[in-house]
């Protein structure tokens, strides 16, 4: 048997991995040596495997390709982009939550995509739209989503950016993440149950995450992926998080500049004054710095 075949792990249930190879899904288990090496397979892994039973689609995983990146909670690897879903109303736009998600994703060096939902609930001249322009000015792909319409130019542009990518969705509770996913993957909850029944044949069907093929790309349905904490982020990491910060490294007077209010000759502070960097994002950044300081202070005791 050829053990150099390579497929994408779409789903893991107990010790079984479901590997996509040439438009077919194979139920595979890892060989003993992988388990002895304590290599934990995860959704999104590019797995080397051999086919044991072509008729019944059974296989054995012999190894994995080196991961480009990995999220820990939930565990998913080789992500191309994280779609941050944020509501503009009900609940109201929460810039701090969005900007914290944005910083976290960029620390992981994963591309963020911003999807703003419930746009039908605000007027066309709403003040919030100016803030969206701030994100666009910084180069972030930003989309206004109305889940009450079947399709429009915004929807088509949003779907297009998901093509040929592995995308994971996150967002605050009530932001419309589930509704948006169901718009992209009609009948998602029912489909999950059907696939579980078909593949697991009565076994325990709980899964923490799964990749679905949509529009020539893969979308991660990741229950529980709804919050980021700053517990393991340092002030230095945060000061180099946003792409604008990375692009301008070395332009502050001091190499270890944290871009806080007391920082002398800080390029980022000057950029805020010149309106080259949005003030509302900078103010949220300062709040994050204070949050990290409190966390670091607690860890000392």
Foldseek 3Di string as FASTA:
>chain_A
DQQQFKFFFFFDDDQWTWTDHPNDTATEGEDPVCVVVVPDDDGGWTFGWDAPDPVRRYIYTDGTDDFPFFDVQPTHTNFQEEEEFAECVQPHGDVLQVLVVQLVCQLRVHAYAYEYEPPVVDDPPDPVVVVVVLCVLLPHHYAYDYLVDLDDPRRVVVLVVQAQGEYEYEYAPPRCRVSVVCSQVPPVVVVLVVVQCVPVVPPDRDTQWGWDCTNNHTYIPGPPRYHDDCLPPALQSSCCRDPVSVVCQPQAPDNSDSPDPPRPRGPVVVCCVVVSHPPVSVVSSNVVNVVNVVSVVVVVD
